[in-house]
Amino acid sequence: MPLQIQFRRGTASAWAAADPTLAQGEFALELDTDKFKIGDGTTAYVSLPYGGIVGPVGPSLANIDGGLSNSVYTIAGPVDGGNSGAQ
């Protein structure tokens, strides 16, 4: 028999309006922002921090070469190469 796991989900505004206290380890997904929170069993939803990795931001050349470069280059972008909306 296959196992199905389904997370609680809703829009950011719906989560804020309901402001539930998530159970410890309970995962909640914001469908419109692609952000998530994980409950601790005592903190209301709006007070919980968002979880996960926002995306990589590498060091600038100014930080790498001790500030000798005239230009500052920053490496940034979505972790999944731009497919953050993929299901």
PDB file of N, CA and C in Angstrom:
ATOM      1  N   MET A   1       0.838  -1.170   0.000  1.00  0.00           N
ATOM      2  CA  MET A   1       0.000   0.000   0.000  1.00  0.00           C
ATOM      3  C   MET A   1       0.887   1.238   0.000  1.00  0.00           C
ATOM      4  N   PRO A   2       0.707   2.155  -0.979  1.00  0.00           N
ATOM      5  CA  PRO A   2       1.550   3.358  -1.040  1.00  0.00           C
ATOM      6  C   PRO A   2       1.210   4.329   0.083  1.00  0.00           C
ATOM      7  N   LEU A   3       2.215   5.037   0.505  1.00  0.00           N
ATOM      8  CA  LEU A   3       2.069   6.033   1.560  1.00  0.00           C
ATOM      9  C   LEU A   3       2.003   7.414   0.935  1.00  0.00           C
ATOM     10  N   GLN A   4       1.056   8.234   1.340  1.00  0.00           N
ATOM     11  CA  GLN A   4       0.935   9.595   0.839  1.00  0.00           C
ATOM     12  C   GLN A   4       1.121  10.563   1.997  1.00  0.00           C
ATOM     13  N   ILE A   5       2.017  11.516   1.794  1.00  0.00           N
ATOM     14  CA  ILE A   5       2.235  12.559   2.794  1.00  0.00           C
ATOM     15  C   ILE A   5       1.765  13.869   2.193  1.00  0.00           C
ATOM     16  N   GLN A   6       0.929  14.577   2.915  1.00  0.00           N
ATOM     17  CA  GLN A   6       0.398  15.845   2.431  1.00  0.00           C
ATOM     18  C   GLN A   6       0.615  16.905   3.504  1.00  0.00           C
ATOM     19  N   PHE A   7       1.204  18.029   3.101  1.00  0.00           N
ATOM     20  CA  PHE A   7       1.494  19.112   4.025  1.00  0.00           C
ATOM     21  C   PHE A   7       0.345  20.113   4.057  1.00  0.00           C
ATOM     22  N   ARG A   8       0.196  20.808   5.178  1.00  0.00           N
ATOM     23  CA  ARG A   8      -0.765  21.900   5.250  1.00  0.00           C
ATOM     24  C   ARG A   8      -0.278  23.002   4.330  1.00  0.00           C
ATOM     25  N   ARG A   9      -1.197  23.625   3.617  1.00  0.00           N
ATOM     26  CA  ARG A   9      -0.807  24.625   2.644  1.00  0.00           C
ATOM     27  C   ARG A   9      -1.906  25.673   2.503  1.00  0.00           C
ATOM     28  N   GLY A  10      -1.504  26.851   2.056  1.00  0.00           N
ATOM     29  CA  GLY A  10      -2.423  27.955   1.837  1.00  0.00           C
ATOM     30  C   GLY A  10      -1.639  29.184   1.426  1.00  0.00           C
ATOM     31  N   THR A  11      -2.340  30.264   1.119  1.00  0.00           N
ATOM     32  CA  THR A  11      -1.662  31.502   0.754  1.00  0.00           C
ATOM     33  C   THR A  11      -1.094  32.170   2.002  1.00  0.00           C
ATOM     34  N   ALA A  12      -0.145  33.070   1.792  1.00  0.00           N
ATOM     35  CA  ALA A  12       0.462  33.787   2.925  1.00  0.00           C
ATOM     36  C   ALA A  12      -0.600  34.548   3.714  1.00  0.00           C
ATOM     37  N   SER A  13      -1.542  35.174   3.014  1.00  0.00           N
ATOM     38  CA  SER A  13      -2.579  35.937   3.721  1.00  0.00           C
ATOM     39  C   SER A  13      -3.522  35.023   4.503  1.00  0.00           C
ATOM     40  N   ALA A  14      -3.811  33.852   3.975  1.00  0.00           N
ATOM     41  CA  ALA A  14      -4.668  32.902   4.694  1.00  0.00           C
ATOM     42  C   ALA A  14      -3.977  32.395   5.959  1.00  0.00           C
ATOM     43  N   TRP A  15      -2.674  32.110   5.862  1.00  0.00           N
ATOM     44  CA  TRP A  15      -1.921  31.677   7.041  1.00  0.00           C
ATOM     45  C   TRP A  15      -1.902  32.783   8.093  1.00  0.00           C
ATOM     46  N   ALA A  16      -1.670  34.024   7.651  1.00  0.00           N
ATOM     47  CA  ALA A  16      -1.606  35.147   8.596  1.00  0.00           C
ATOM     48  C   ALA A  16      -2.955  35.376   9.269  1.00  0.00           C
ATOM     49  N   ALA A  17      -4.037  35.244   8.503  1.00  0.00           N
ATOM     50  CA  ALA A  17      -5.376  35.453   9.065  1.00  0.00           C
ATOM     51  C   ALA A  17      -5.722  34.380  10.093  1.00  0.00           C
ATOM     52  N   ALA A  18      -5.387  33.121   9.795  1.00  0.00           N
ATOM     53  CA  ALA A  18      -5.696  32.017  10.710  1.00  0.00           C
ATOM     54  C   ALA A  18      -4.728  31.992  11.892  1.00  0.00           C
ATOM     55  N   ASP A  19      -3.458  32.295  11.640  1.00  0.00           N
ATOM     56  CA  ASP A  19      -2.380  32.333  12.632  1.00  0.00           C
ATOM     57  C   ASP A  19      -2.411  31.147  13.609  1.00  0.00           C
ATOM     58  N   PRO A  20      -2.396  29.914  13.076  1.00  0.00           N
ATOM     59  CA  PRO A  20      -2.439  28.747  13.966  1.00  0.00           C
ATOM     60  C   PRO A  20      -1.103  28.505  14.659  1.00  0.00           C
ATOM     61  N   THR A  21      -1.133  27.741  15.708  1.00  0.00           N
ATOM     62  CA  THR A  21       0.093  27.243  16.334  1.00  0.00           C
ATOM     63  C   THR A  21       0.332  25.861  15.751  1.00  0.00           C
ATOM     64  N   LEU A  22       1.408  25.732  14.980  1.00  0.00           N
ATOM     65  CA  LEU A  22       1.726  24.460  14.337  1.00  0.00           C
ATOM     66  C   LEU A  22       2.323  23.496  15.358  1.00  0.00           C
ATOM     67  N   ALA A  23       1.998  22.232  15.222  1.00  0.00           N
ATOM     68  CA  ALA A  23       2.573  21.211  16.090  1.00  0.00           C
ATOM     69  C   ALA A  23       4.084  21.141  15.877  1.00  0.00           C
ATOM     70  N   GLN A  24       4.793  20.628  16.846  1.00  0.00           N
ATOM     71  CA  GLN A  24       6.243  20.500  16.727  1.00  0.00           C
ATOM     72  C   GLN A  24       6.563  19.636  15.508  1.00  0.00           C
ATOM     73  N   GLY A  25       7.348  20.190  14.589  1.00  0.00           N
ATOM     74  CA  GLY A  25       7.750  19.489  13.371  1.00  0.00           C
ATOM     75  C   GLY A  25       6.737  19.560  12.243  1.00  0.00           C
ATOM     76  N   GLU A  26       5.608  20.215  12.466  1.00  0.00           N
ATOM     77  CA  GLU A  26       4.580  20.318  11.416  1.00  0.00           C
ATOM     78  C   GLU A  26       5.029  21.317  10.351  1.00  0.00           C
ATOM     79  N   PHE A  27       4.896  20.928   9.099  1.00  0.00           N
ATOM     80  CA  PHE A  27       5.347  21.689   7.944  1.00  0.00           C
ATOM     81  C   PHE A  27       4.169  22.451   7.355  1.00  0.00           C
ATOM     82  N   ALA A  28       4.342  23.752   7.085  1.00  0.00           N
ATOM     83  CA  ALA A  28       3.288  24.574   6.487  1.00  0.00           C
ATOM     84  C   ALA A  28       3.853  25.314   5.274  1.00  0.00           C
ATOM     85  N   LEU A  29       3.202  25.184   4.142  1.00  0.00           N
ATOM     86  CA  LEU A  29       3.676  25.755   2.880  1.00  0.00           C
ATOM     87  C   LEU A  29       2.795  26.916   2.455  1.00  0.00           C
ATOM     88  N   GLU A  30       3.437  28.040   2.069  1.00  0.00           N
ATOM     89  CA  GLU A  30       2.724  29.174   1.477  1.00  0.00           C
ATOM     90  C   GLU A  30       2.754  28.988  -0.039  1.00  0.00           C
ATOM     91  N   LEU A  31       1.613  28.747  -0.625  1.00  0.00           N
ATOM     92  CA  LEU A  31       1.534  28.431  -2.048  1.00  0.00           C
ATOM     93  C   LEU A  31       1.894  29.607  -2.949  1.00  0.00           C
ATOM     94  N   ASP A  32       1.636  30.828  -2.514  1.00  0.00           N
ATOM     95  CA  ASP A  32       1.896  31.986  -3.370  1.00  0.00           C
ATOM     96  C   ASP A  32       3.307  32.554  -3.230  1.00  0.00           C
ATOM     97  N   THR A  33       4.031  32.172  -2.184  1.00  0.00           N
ATOM     98  CA  THR A  33       5.387  32.700  -1.985  1.00  0.00           C
ATOM     99  C   THR A  33       6.465  31.626  -2.094  1.00  0.00           C
ATOM    100  N   ASP A  34       6.053  30.357  -2.112  1.00  0.00           N
ATOM    101  CA  ASP A  34       6.984  29.217  -2.117  1.00  0.00           C
ATOM    102  C   ASP A  34       7.866  29.186  -0.862  1.00  0.00           C
ATOM    103  N   LYS A  35       7.394  29.797   0.223  1.00  0.00           N
ATOM    104  CA  LYS A  35       8.114  29.764   1.495  1.00  0.00           C
ATOM    105  C   LYS A  35       7.429  28.758   2.413  1.00  0.00           C
ATOM    106  N   PHE A  36       8.169  28.318   3.442  1.00  0.00           N
ATOM    107  CA  PHE A  36       7.578  27.391   4.394  1.00  0.00           C
ATOM    108  C   PHE A  36       8.035  27.695   5.809  1.00  0.00           C
ATOM    109  N   LYS A  37       7.257  27.178   6.750  1.00  0.00           N
ATOM    110  CA  LYS A  37       7.587  27.291   8.165  1.00  0.00           C
ATOM    111  C   LYS A  37       7.394  25.921   8.795  1.00  0.00           C
ATOM    112  N   ILE A  38       8.126  25.670   9.862  1.00  0.00           N
ATOM    113  CA  ILE A  38       8.009  24.415  10.603  1.00  0.00           C
ATOM    114  C   ILE A  38       7.678  24.759  12.049  1.00  0.00           C
ATOM    115  N   GLY A  39       6.602  24.164  12.544  1.00  0.00           N
ATOM    116  CA  GLY A  39       6.126  24.473  13.882  1.00  0.00           C
ATOM    117  C   GLY A  39       7.022  23.962  14.992  1.00  0.00           C
ATOM    118  N   ASP A  40       6.907  24.638  16.142  1.00  0.00           N
ATOM    119  CA  ASP A  40       7.635  24.207  17.341  1.00  0.00           C
ATOM    120  C   ASP A  40       6.681  23.794  18.459  1.00  0.00           C
ATOM    121  N   GLY A  41       5.375  23.839  18.176  1.00  0.00           N
ATOM    122  CA  GLY A  41       4.385  23.423  19.161  1.00  0.00           C
ATOM    123  C   GLY A  41       3.909  24.509  20.098  1.00  0.00           C
ATOM    124  N   THR A  42       4.572  25.670  20.090  1.00  0.00           N
ATOM    125  CA  THR A  42       4.174  26.733  21.012  1.00  0.00           C
ATOM    126  C   THR A  42       4.045  28.113  20.362  1.00  0.00           C
ATOM    127  N   THR A  43       4.695  28.344  19.250  1.00  0.00           N
ATOM    128  CA  THR A  43       4.734  29.670  18.623  1.00  0.00           C
ATOM    129  C   THR A  43       3.668  29.801  17.545  1.00  0.00           C
ATOM    130  N   ALA A  44       2.936  30.911  17.555  1.00  0.00           N
ATOM    131  CA  ALA A  44       1.929  31.178  16.523  1.00  0.00           C
ATOM    132  C   ALA A  44       2.604  31.343  15.159  1.00  0.00           C
ATOM    133  N   TYR A  45       1.878  31.028  14.110  1.00  0.00           N
ATOM    134  CA  TYR A  45       2.424  31.006  12.746  1.00  0.00           C
ATOM    135  C   TYR A  45       3.169  32.283  12.372  1.00  0.00           C
ATOM    136  N   VAL A  46       2.548  33.443  12.562  1.00  0.00           N
ATOM    137  CA  VAL A  46       3.181  34.689  12.115  1.00  0.00           C
ATOM    138  C   VAL A  46       4.483  34.987  12.842  1.00  0.00           C
ATOM    139  N   SER A  47       4.700  34.397  14.014  1.00  0.00           N
ATOM    140  CA  SER A  47       5.932  34.632  14.771  1.00  0.00           C
ATOM    141  C   SER A  47       7.025  33.623  14.456  1.00  0.00           C
ATOM    142  N   LEU A  48       6.689  32.556  13.716  1.00  0.00           N
ATOM    143  CA  LEU A  48       7.701  31.566  13.342  1.00  0.00           C
ATOM    144  C   LEU A  48       8.588  32.114  12.228  1.00  0.00           C
ATOM    145  N   PRO A  49       9.869  31.783  12.231  1.00  0.00           N
ATOM    146  CA  PRO A  49      10.733  32.175  11.116  1.00  0.00           C
ATOM    147  C   PRO A  49      10.476  31.272   9.911  1.00  0.00           C
ATOM    148  N   TYR A  50      10.768  31.787   8.732  1.00  0.00           N
ATOM    149  CA  TYR A  50      10.693  30.950   7.537  1.00  0.00           C
ATOM    150  C   TYR A  50      11.853  29.973   7.551  1.00  0.00           C
ATOM    151  N   GLY A  51      11.652  28.814   6.963  1.00  0.00           N
ATOM    152  CA  GLY A  51      12.689  27.799   6.920  1.00  0.00           C
ATOM    153  C   GLY A  51      13.327  27.717   5.550  1.00  0.00           C
ATOM    154  N   GLY A  52      14.395  26.961   5.455  1.00  0.00           N
ATOM    155  CA  GLY A  52      15.020  26.655   4.179  1.00  0.00           C
ATOM    156  C   GLY A  52      16.102  27.612   3.762  1.00  0.00           C
ATOM    157  N   ILE A  53      16.480  27.457   2.516  1.00  0.00           N
ATOM    158  CA  ILE A  53      17.543  28.253   1.913  1.00  0.00           C
ATOM    159  C   ILE A  53      16.908  29.214   0.923  1.00  0.00           C
ATOM    160  N   VAL A  54      17.199  30.493   1.059  1.00  0.00           N
ATOM    161  CA  VAL A  54      16.634  31.500   0.172  1.00  0.00           C
ATOM    162  C   VAL A  54      17.294  31.426  -1.193  1.00  0.00           C
ATOM    163  N   GLY A  55      18.551  31.149  -1.256  1.00  0.00           N
ATOM    164  CA  GLY A  55      19.293  31.071  -2.515  1.00  0.00           C
ATOM    165  C   GLY A  55      20.731  31.464  -2.269  1.00  0.00           C
ATOM    166  N   PRO A  56      21.619  30.958  -3.095  1.00  0.00           N
ATOM    167  CA  PRO A  56      23.033  31.228  -2.862  1.00  0.00           C
ATOM    168  C   PRO A  56      23.437  32.640  -3.288  1.00  0.00           C
ATOM    169  N   VAL A  57      24.182  33.301  -2.470  1.00  0.00           N
ATOM    170  CA  VAL A  57      24.779  34.578  -2.828  1.00  0.00           C
ATOM    171  C   VAL A  57      26.248  34.448  -2.495  1.00  0.00           C
ATOM    172  N   GLY A  58      27.059  34.412  -3.512  1.00  0.00           N
ATOM    173  CA  GLY A  58      28.485  34.203  -3.313  1.00  0.00           C
ATOM    174  C   GLY A  58      29.203  35.477  -2.940  1.00  0.00           C
ATOM    175  N   PRO A  59      30.465  35.349  -2.612  1.00  0.00           N
ATOM    176  CA  PRO A  59      31.258  36.527  -2.262  1.00  0.00           C
ATOM    177  C   PRO A  59      31.497  37.399  -3.483  1.00  0.00           C
ATOM    178  N   SER A  60      31.649  38.685  -3.267  1.00  0.00           N
ATOM    179  CA  SER A  60      31.974  39.586  -4.370  1.00  0.00           C
ATOM    180  C   SER A  60      33.480  39.533  -4.611  1.00  0.00           C
ATOM    181  N   LEU A  61      33.908  39.982  -5.788  1.00  0.00           N
ATOM    182  CA  LEU A  61      35.346  40.004  -6.075  1.00  0.00           C
ATOM    183  C   LEU A  61      36.075  40.925  -5.114  1.00  0.00           C
ATOM    184  N   ALA A  62      35.382  41.964  -4.642  1.00  0.00           N
ATOM    185  CA  ALA A  62      36.019  42.870  -3.675  1.00  0.00           C
ATOM    186  C   ALA A  62      36.393  42.116  -2.408  1.00  0.00           C
ATOM    187  N   ASN A  63      35.589  41.146  -2.038  1.00  0.00           N
ATOM    188  CA  ASN A  63      35.902  40.353  -0.851  1.00  0.00           C
ATOM    189  C   ASN A  63      36.974  39.308  -1.143  1.00  0.00           C
ATOM    190  N   ILE A  64      37.029  38.833  -2.372  1.00  0.00           N
ATOM    191  CA  ILE A  64      37.983  37.785  -2.737  1.00  0.00           C
ATOM    192  C   ILE A  64      39.387  38.349  -2.905  1.00  0.00           C
ATOM    193  N   ASP A  65      39.503  39.500  -3.586  1.00  0.00           N
ATOM    194  CA  ASP A  65      40.840  40.033  -3.879  1.00  0.00           C
ATOM    195  C   ASP A  65      41.270  41.150  -2.926  1.00  0.00           C
ATOM    196  N   GLY A  66      40.628  41.255  -1.790  1.00  0.00           N
ATOM    197  CA  GLY A  66      41.019  42.248  -0.801  1.00  0.00           C
ATOM    198  C   GLY A  66      40.642  43.673  -1.168  1.00  0.00           C
ATOM    199  N   GLY A  67      39.685  43.836  -2.087  1.00  0.00           N
ATOM    200  CA  GLY A  67      39.236  45.168  -2.468  1.00  0.00           C
ATOM    201  C   GLY A  67      40.031  45.781  -3.595  1.00  0.00           C
ATOM    202  N   LEU A  68      40.871  44.999  -4.282  1.00  0.00           N
ATOM    203  CA  LEU A  68      41.697  45.535  -5.358  1.00  0.00           C
ATOM    204  C   LEU A  68      40.923  45.724  -6.656  1.00  0.00           C
ATOM    205  N   SER A  69      39.799  45.068  -6.803  1.00  0.00           N
ATOM    206  CA  SER A  69      39.020  45.149  -8.034  1.00  0.00           C
ATOM    207  C   SER A  69      38.222  46.451  -8.067  1.00  0.00           C
ATOM    208  N   ASN A  70      38.111  47.077  -9.262  1.00  0.00           N
ATOM    209  CA  ASN A  70      37.301  48.280  -9.421  1.00  0.00           C
ATOM    210  C   ASN A  70      35.821  47.957  -9.548  1.00  0.00           C
ATOM    211  N   SER A  71      35.504  46.721  -9.923  1.00  0.00           N
ATOM    212  CA  SER A  71      34.122  46.307 -10.082  1.00  0.00           C
ATOM    213  C   SER A  71      33.776  45.267  -9.036  1.00  0.00           C
ATOM    214  N   VAL A  72      32.524  45.258  -8.631  1.00  0.00           N
ATOM    215  CA  VAL A  72      32.047  44.264  -7.684  1.00  0.00           C
ATOM    216  C   VAL A  72      31.081  43.356  -8.412  1.00  0.00           C
ATOM    217  N   TYR A  73      31.358  42.069  -8.419  1.00  0.00           N
ATOM    218  CA  TYR A  73      30.508  41.083  -9.057  1.00  0.00           C
ATOM    219  C   TYR A  73      29.943  40.188  -7.971  1.00  0.00           C
ATOM    220  N   THR A  74      28.659  39.943  -8.028  1.00  0.00           N
ATOM    221  CA  THR A  74      28.021  39.073  -7.053  1.00  0.00           C
ATOM    222  C   THR A  74      27.341  37.937  -7.778  1.00  0.00           C
ATOM    223  N   ILE A  75      27.550  36.741  -7.273  1.00  0.00           N
ATOM    224  CA  ILE A  75      26.917  35.559  -7.831  1.00  0.00           C
ATOM    225  C   ILE A  75      25.618  35.347  -7.077  1.00  0.00           C
ATOM    226  N   ALA A  76      24.508  35.302  -7.791  1.00  0.00           N
ATOM    227  CA  ALA A  76      23.229  35.106  -7.135  1.00  0.00           C
ATOM    228  C   ALA A  76      22.269  34.442  -8.104  1.00  0.00           C
ATOM    229  N   GLY A  77      21.291  33.737  -7.583  1.00  0.00           N
ATOM    230  CA  GLY A  77      20.274  33.115  -8.425  1.00  0.00           C
ATOM    231  C   GLY A  77      19.575  32.019  -7.669  1.00  0.00           C
ATOM    232  N   PRO A  78      18.470  31.540  -8.251  1.00  0.00           N
ATOM    233  CA  PRO A  78      17.731  30.469  -7.605  1.00  0.00           C
ATOM    234  C   PRO A  78      18.544  29.185  -7.531  1.00  0.00           C
ATOM    235  N   VAL A  79      18.348  28.452  -6.494  1.00  0.00           N
ATOM    236  CA  VAL A  79      19.067  27.205  -6.278  1.00  0.00           C
ATOM    237  C   VAL A  79      18.799  26.217  -7.411  1.00  0.00           C
ATOM    238  N   ASP A  80      17.560  26.208  -7.919  1.00  0.00           N
ATOM    239  CA  ASP A  80      17.185  25.201  -8.906  1.00  0.00           C
ATOM    240  C   ASP A  80      17.304  25.707 -10.340  1.00  0.00           C
ATOM    241  N   GLY A  81      18.060  26.747 -10.586  1.00  0.00           N
ATOM    242  CA  GLY A  81      18.270  27.237 -11.933  1.00  0.00           C
ATOM    243  C   GLY A  81      17.067  27.968 -12.517  1.00  0.00           C
ATOM    244  N   GLY A  82      16.199  28.500 -11.686  1.00  0.00           N
ATOM    245  CA  GLY A  82      15.080  29.274 -12.183  1.00  0.00           C
ATOM    246  C   GLY A  82      13.769  28.512 -12.234  1.00  0.00           C
ATOM    247  N   ASN A  83      13.751  27.298 -11.727  1.00  0.00           N
ATOM    248  CA  ASN A  83      12.532  26.487 -11.761  1.00  0.00           C
ATOM    249  C   ASN A  83      11.844  26.460 -10.414  1.00  0.00           C
ATOM    250  N   SER A  84      11.902  27.582  -9.673  1.00  0.00           N
ATOM    251  CA  SER A  84      11.369  27.573  -8.309  1.00  0.00           C
ATOM    252  C   SER A  84       9.859  27.355  -8.264  1.00  0.00           C
ATOM    253  N   GLY A  85       9.166  27.514  -9.396  1.00  0.00           N
ATOM    254  CA  GLY A  85       7.731  27.273  -9.422  1.00  0.00           C
ATOM    255  C   GLY A  85       7.356  25.842  -9.758  1.00  0.00           C
ATOM    256  N   ALA A  86       8.348  25.002 -10.034  1.00  0.00           N
ATOM    257  CA  ALA A  86       8.090  23.613 -10.421  1.00  0.00           C
ATOM    258  C   ALA A  86       7.496  22.835  -9.258  1.00  0.00           C
ATOM    259  N   GLN A  87       6.571  21.971  -9.553  1.00  0.00           N
ATOM    260  CA  GLN A  87       5.932  21.132  -8.534  1.00  0.00           C
ATOM    261  C   GLN A  87       6.666  19.826  -8.400  1.00  0.00           C
TER     262      GLN A  87
END
